Amino acid sequence: MQYKTNVKKFLIASTIIVGLFIVVALSYSRAKNFPTQQPHNNLNQTTDQTTVDQLQTTVEMVDSKEGVDVSVDEIKRKNGQTILSLGINNHVEDYSQVDLKERSELAGVKPIKYTVDNTVSGGHHVSSELIFDGNLSGLLVVRLTDELVFNITVK
C-alpha cells in the first residue's frame, strides 16, 4: 500500500514538473520568435565635409481624400536638408503637372525644390521629391487644389 502511494506521488510530481517545463519552453520559444516592429533607420557617418551625417527613414504615411492618396514614402535628412519622397495616387485626375513647390510646406517652410521622378497611367500615379532647407519635422501640407488639401505629420 505504501508503495502505491509513493508511485502516485511520484507520477503526480513528475507530471507537474514536465508540464511546467513545457510551458516555460513554449513561452521562451514564442518570445524569441515574436516579430518586433521597428522603423528602418540607416545612420551613416562619413568624414566627408559635405555629408557629416545622414539619417534615412523608410516610413509609410498617407492622407486620403476624395479618392486621392498622398503619401510620404521616404524621409532623408542630409547636408542640412530634408528630402521627402512623395507619392500621389488616384484614378481620376492627372496631378503630374501640379507644382508642389508653390503648393506645399513642411513646418511652415516652403520647399526649395520639387521634382517629378515618375508618372504612370497619365499622371494618376506620381512619384516625386520635395526638398526643404533644414532638418525639419512637423506638419506637411500638400495642396493639390484649393479644396483638396492633405496633412501628414512628418517625424
C-alpha atoms as a PDB file:
ATOM      1  CA  MET A   1       0.000   0.000   0.000  1.00  0.00           C
ATOM      2  CA  GLN A   2       2.826   2.357   0.902  1.00  0.00           C
ATOM      3  CA  TYR A   3       4.460   1.533  -2.449  1.00  0.00           C
ATOM      4  CA  LYS A   4       1.328   2.537  -4.470  1.00  0.00           C
ATOM      5  CA  THR A   5       1.045   5.839  -2.603  1.00  0.00           C
ATOM      6  CA  ASN A   6       4.686   6.698  -3.306  1.00  0.00           C
ATOM      7  CA  VAL A   7       4.292   5.798  -7.005  1.00  0.00           C
ATOM      8  CA  LYS A   8       1.182   8.030  -7.266  1.00  0.00           C
ATOM      9  CA  LYS A   9       3.042  10.945  -5.607  1.00  0.00           C
ATOM     10  CA  PHE A  10       5.998  10.412  -7.941  1.00  0.00           C
ATOM     11  CA  LEU A  11       3.774  10.356 -11.046  1.00  0.00           C
ATOM     12  CA  ILE A  12       1.882  13.498  -9.979  1.00  0.00           C
ATOM     13  CA  ALA A  13       5.110  15.365  -9.183  1.00  0.00           C
ATOM     14  CA  SER A  14       6.685  14.228 -12.475  1.00  0.00           C
ATOM     15  CA  THR A  15       3.635  15.304 -14.466  1.00  0.00           C
ATOM     16  CA  ILE A  16       3.668  18.757 -12.835  1.00  0.00           C
ATOM     17  CA  ILE A  17       7.399  19.211 -13.480  1.00  0.00           C
ATOM     18  CA  VAL A  18       7.116  18.111 -17.133  1.00  0.00           C
ATOM     19  CA  GLY A  19       4.083  20.388 -17.602  1.00  0.00           C
ATOM     20  CA  LEU A  20       5.962  23.390 -16.170  1.00  0.00           C
ATOM     21  CA  PHE A  21       8.943  22.597 -18.378  1.00  0.00           C
ATOM     22  CA  ILE A  22       6.713  22.559 -21.475  1.00  0.00           C
ATOM     23  CA  VAL A  23       5.040  25.864 -20.527  1.00  0.00           C
ATOM     24  CA  VAL A  24       8.405  27.566 -19.968  1.00  0.00           C
ATOM     25  CA  ALA A  25       9.832  26.151 -23.218  1.00  0.00           C
ATOM     26  CA  LEU A  26       6.824  27.317 -25.261  1.00  0.00           C
ATOM     27  CA  SER A  27       6.884  30.767 -23.661  1.00  0.00           C
ATOM     28  CA  TYR A  28      10.580  31.152 -24.433  1.00  0.00           C
ATOM     29  CA  SER A  29      10.094  29.936 -27.999  1.00  0.00           C
ATOM     30  CA  ARG A  30       7.230  32.349 -28.683  1.00  0.00           C
ATOM     31  CA  ALA A  31       9.049  35.296 -27.102  1.00  0.00           C
ATOM     32  CA  LYS A  32      12.156  34.552 -29.157  1.00  0.00           C
ATOM     33  CA  ASN A  33      10.256  34.284 -32.457  1.00  0.00           C
ATOM     34  CA  PHE A  34       7.773  37.111 -31.859  1.00  0.00           C
ATOM     35  CA  PRO A  35       8.196  39.690 -34.628  1.00  0.00           C
ATOM     36  CA  THR A  36       9.071  43.158 -33.461  1.00  0.00           C
ATOM     37  CA  GLN A  37       8.176  46.256 -35.425  1.00  0.00           C
ATOM     38  CA  GLN A  38      10.970  48.768 -35.663  1.00  0.00           C
ATOM     39  CA  PRO A  39      11.429  51.653 -38.053  1.00  0.00           C
ATOM     40  CA  HIS A  40      14.083  51.085 -40.676  1.00  0.00           C
ATOM     41  CA  ASN A  41      16.849  53.569 -39.898  1.00  0.00           C
ATOM     42  CA  ASN A  42      20.225  53.925 -41.547  1.00  0.00           C
ATOM     43  CA  LEU A  43      22.703  56.225 -39.845  1.00  0.00           C
ATOM     44  CA  ASN A  44      25.801  56.763 -41.955  1.00  0.00           C
ATOM     45  CA  GLN A  45      28.608  58.930 -40.656  1.00  0.00           C
ATOM     46  CA  THR A  46      31.389  59.886 -43.025  1.00  0.00           C
ATOM     47  CA  THR A  47      34.379  62.171 -42.782  1.00  0.00           C
ATOM     48  CA  ASP A  48      33.391  63.974 -45.991  1.00  0.00           C
ATOM     49  CA  GLN A  49      32.661  67.593 -45.088  1.00  0.00           C
ATOM     50  CA  THR A  50      29.677  67.766 -47.440  1.00  0.00           C
ATOM     51  CA  THR A  51      27.965  64.828 -45.721  1.00  0.00           C
ATOM     52  CA  VAL A  52      28.513  64.964 -41.978  1.00  0.00           C
ATOM     53  CA  ASP A  53      25.669  62.603 -41.177  1.00  0.00           C
ATOM     54  CA  GLN A  54      22.678  61.241 -42.974  1.00  0.00           C
ATOM     55  CA  LEU A  55      19.507  59.816 -41.499  1.00  0.00           C
ATOM     56  CA  GLN A  56      17.299  57.869 -43.847  1.00  0.00           C
ATOM     57  CA  THR A  57      13.979  56.531 -42.616  1.00  0.00           C
ATOM     58  CA  THR A  58      11.624  54.362 -44.602  1.00  0.00           C
ATOM     59  CA  VAL A  59       8.080  55.021 -43.467  1.00  0.00           C
ATOM     60  CA  GLU A  60       4.543  54.873 -44.729  1.00  0.00           C
ATOM     61  CA  MET A  61       2.477  57.975 -44.013  1.00  0.00           C
ATOM     62  CA  VAL A  62      -0.693  58.554 -46.036  1.00  0.00           C
ATOM     63  CA  ASP A  63      -3.573  61.025 -46.123  1.00  0.00           C
ATOM     64  CA  SER A  64      -6.583  60.201 -48.308  1.00  0.00           C
ATOM     65  CA  LYS A  65      -9.367  62.463 -49.532  1.00  0.00           C
ATOM     66  CA  GLU A  66     -11.934  62.111 -52.315  1.00  0.00           C
ATOM     67  CA  GLY A  67     -10.256  59.057 -53.852  1.00  0.00           C
ATOM     68  CA  VAL A  68      -6.769  60.597 -53.829  1.00  0.00           C
ATOM     69  CA  ASP A  69      -3.907  59.267 -51.679  1.00  0.00           C
ATOM     70  CA  VAL A  70      -0.883  61.404 -50.874  1.00  0.00           C
ATOM     71  CA  SER A  71       1.914  59.503 -49.154  1.00  0.00           C
ATOM     72  CA  VAL A  72       5.340  60.266 -47.749  1.00  0.00           C
ATOM     73  CA  ASP A  73       7.230  57.124 -48.725  1.00  0.00           C
ATOM     74  CA  GLU A  74      10.703  58.073 -47.546  1.00  0.00           C
ATOM     75  CA  ILE A  75      12.368  60.785 -45.459  1.00  0.00           C
ATOM     76  CA  LYS A  76      16.051  61.674 -45.817  1.00  0.00           C
ATOM     77  CA  ARG A  77      17.898  64.266 -43.794  1.00  0.00           C
ATOM     78  CA  LYS A  78      21.176  65.077 -45.476  1.00  0.00           C
ATOM     79  CA  ASN A  79      23.515  68.066 -45.636  1.00  0.00           C
ATOM     80  CA  GLY A  80      21.120  70.269 -43.674  1.00  0.00           C
ATOM     81  CA  GLN A  81      18.171  69.408 -45.903  1.00  0.00           C
ATOM     82  CA  THR A  82      15.019  67.349 -45.512  1.00  0.00           C
ATOM     83  CA  ILE A  83      14.153  65.303 -48.605  1.00  0.00           C
ATOM     84  CA  LEU A  84      10.701  63.729 -48.856  1.00  0.00           C
ATOM     85  CA  SER A  85       9.775  61.076 -51.413  1.00  0.00           C
ATOM     86  CA  LEU A  86       6.131  61.746 -52.166  1.00  0.00           C
ATOM     87  CA  GLY A  87       3.511  59.610 -53.893  1.00  0.00           C
ATOM     88  CA  ILE A  88       0.215  60.865 -55.346  1.00  0.00           C
ATOM     89  CA  ASN A  89      -2.224  58.139 -56.409  1.00  0.00           C
ATOM     90  CA  ASN A  90      -5.766  58.288 -57.758  1.00  0.00           C
ATOM     91  CA  HIS A  91      -7.858  57.036 -60.654  1.00  0.00           C
ATOM     92  CA  VAL A  92      -9.402  60.274 -61.927  1.00  0.00           C
ATOM     93  CA  GLU A  93      -7.120  63.328 -62.255  1.00  0.00           C
ATOM     94  CA  ASP A  94      -3.650  63.982 -63.692  1.00  0.00           C
ATOM     95  CA  TYR A  95      -1.607  65.582 -60.888  1.00  0.00           C
ATOM     96  CA  SER A  96       1.779  65.325 -62.637  1.00  0.00           C
ATOM     97  CA  GLN A  97       1.655  68.992 -63.717  1.00  0.00           C
ATOM     98  CA  VAL A  98       0.834  70.466 -60.290  1.00  0.00           C
ATOM     99  CA  ASP A  99       3.836  72.437 -58.984  1.00  0.00           C
ATOM    100  CA  LEU A 100       4.015  71.391 -55.349  1.00  0.00           C
ATOM    101  CA  LYS A 101       6.950  73.739 -54.746  1.00  0.00           C
ATOM    102  CA  GLU A 102       4.375  76.525 -54.664  1.00  0.00           C
ATOM    103  CA  ARG A 103       1.572  74.474 -53.095  1.00  0.00           C
ATOM    104  CA  SER A 104       3.195  72.714 -50.131  1.00  0.00           C
ATOM    105  CA  GLU A 105       5.071  73.378 -46.887  1.00  0.00           C
ATOM    106  CA  LEU A 106       6.679  71.440 -44.038  1.00  0.00           C
ATOM    107  CA  ALA A 107       6.524  73.003 -40.574  1.00  0.00           C
ATOM    108  CA  GLY A 108       5.639  76.309 -42.259  1.00  0.00           C
ATOM    109  CA  VAL A 109       8.674  76.201 -44.599  1.00  0.00           C
ATOM    110  CA  LYS A 110       8.259  76.168 -48.387  1.00  0.00           C
ATOM    111  CA  PRO A 111      10.333  73.624 -50.351  1.00  0.00           C
ATOM    112  CA  ILE A 112      13.376  74.826 -52.279  1.00  0.00           C
ATOM    113  CA  LYS A 113      12.878  72.195 -54.980  1.00  0.00           C
ATOM    114  CA  TYR A 114      10.181  69.898 -56.362  1.00  0.00           C
ATOM    115  CA  THR A 115      10.819  67.215 -58.968  1.00  0.00           C
ATOM    116  CA  VAL A 116       8.547  64.617 -60.517  1.00  0.00           C
ATOM    117  CA  ASP A 117      10.501  61.357 -60.699  1.00  0.00           C
ATOM    118  CA  ASN A 118       7.925  59.169 -62.399  1.00  0.00           C
ATOM    119  CA  THR A 119       4.333  59.262 -63.607  1.00  0.00           C
ATOM    120  CA  VAL A 120       2.213  56.257 -64.509  1.00  0.00           C
ATOM    121  CA  SER A 121      -1.244  55.962 -66.061  1.00  0.00           C
ATOM    122  CA  GLY A 122      -1.476  59.502 -67.401  1.00  0.00           C
ATOM    123  CA  GLY A 123      -0.434  61.220 -64.175  1.00  0.00           C
ATOM    124  CA  HIS A 124      -2.736  59.208 -61.936  1.00  0.00           C
ATOM    125  CA  HIS A 125       0.263  57.721 -60.084  1.00  0.00           C
ATOM    126  CA  VAL A 126       3.018  60.255 -59.444  1.00  0.00           C
ATOM    127  CA  SER A 127       6.330  59.691 -57.650  1.00  0.00           C
ATOM    128  CA  SER A 128       8.068  62.915 -56.718  1.00  0.00           C
ATOM    129  CA  GLU A 129      10.514  64.549 -54.339  1.00  0.00           C
ATOM    130  CA  LEU A 130      10.233  67.659 -52.176  1.00  0.00           C
ATOM    131  CA  ILE A 131      13.428  69.206 -50.800  1.00  0.00           C
ATOM    132  CA  PHE A 132      13.412  71.617 -47.847  1.00  0.00           C
ATOM    133  CA  ASP A 133      16.229  73.619 -46.266  1.00  0.00           C
ATOM    134  CA  GLY A 134      16.873  72.483 -42.687  1.00  0.00           C
ATOM    135  CA  ASN A 135      16.389  69.282 -40.740  1.00  0.00           C
ATOM    136  CA  LEU A 136      12.627  69.629 -40.435  1.00  0.00           C
ATOM    137  CA  SER A 137       9.782  67.694 -38.902  1.00  0.00           C
ATOM    138  CA  GLY A 138       6.169  68.600 -38.269  1.00  0.00           C
ATOM    139  CA  LEU A 139       3.089  69.094 -40.386  1.00  0.00           C
ATOM    140  CA  LEU A 140       3.436  68.609 -44.139  1.00  0.00           C
ATOM    141  CA  VAL A 141       0.673  70.420 -46.036  1.00  0.00           C
ATOM    142  CA  VAL A 142       0.150  69.484 -49.689  1.00  0.00           C
ATOM    143  CA  ARG A 143      -2.410  71.474 -51.713  1.00  0.00           C
ATOM    144  CA  LEU A 144      -3.287  69.693 -54.942  1.00  0.00           C
ATOM    145  CA  THR A 145      -6.172  72.134 -55.437  1.00  0.00           C
ATOM    146  CA  ASP A 146      -7.630  74.860 -53.252  1.00  0.00           C
ATOM    147  CA  GLU A 147     -10.206  72.369 -51.978  1.00  0.00           C
ATOM    148  CA  LEU A 148      -8.013  69.238 -51.904  1.00  0.00           C
ATOM    149  CA  VAL A 149      -5.522  69.768 -49.058  1.00  0.00           C
ATOM    150  CA  PHE A 150      -3.576  66.927 -47.430  1.00  0.00           C
ATOM    151  CA  ASN A 151      -1.960  67.000 -43.974  1.00  0.00           C
ATOM    152  CA  ILE A 152       0.688  64.488 -42.926  1.00  0.00           C
ATOM    153  CA  THR A 153       2.805  64.603 -39.778  1.00  0.00           C
ATOM    154  CA  VAL A 154       6.493  64.036 -40.604  1.00  0.00           C
ATOM    155  CA  LYS A 155       8.654  62.866 -37.718  1.00  0.00           C
END
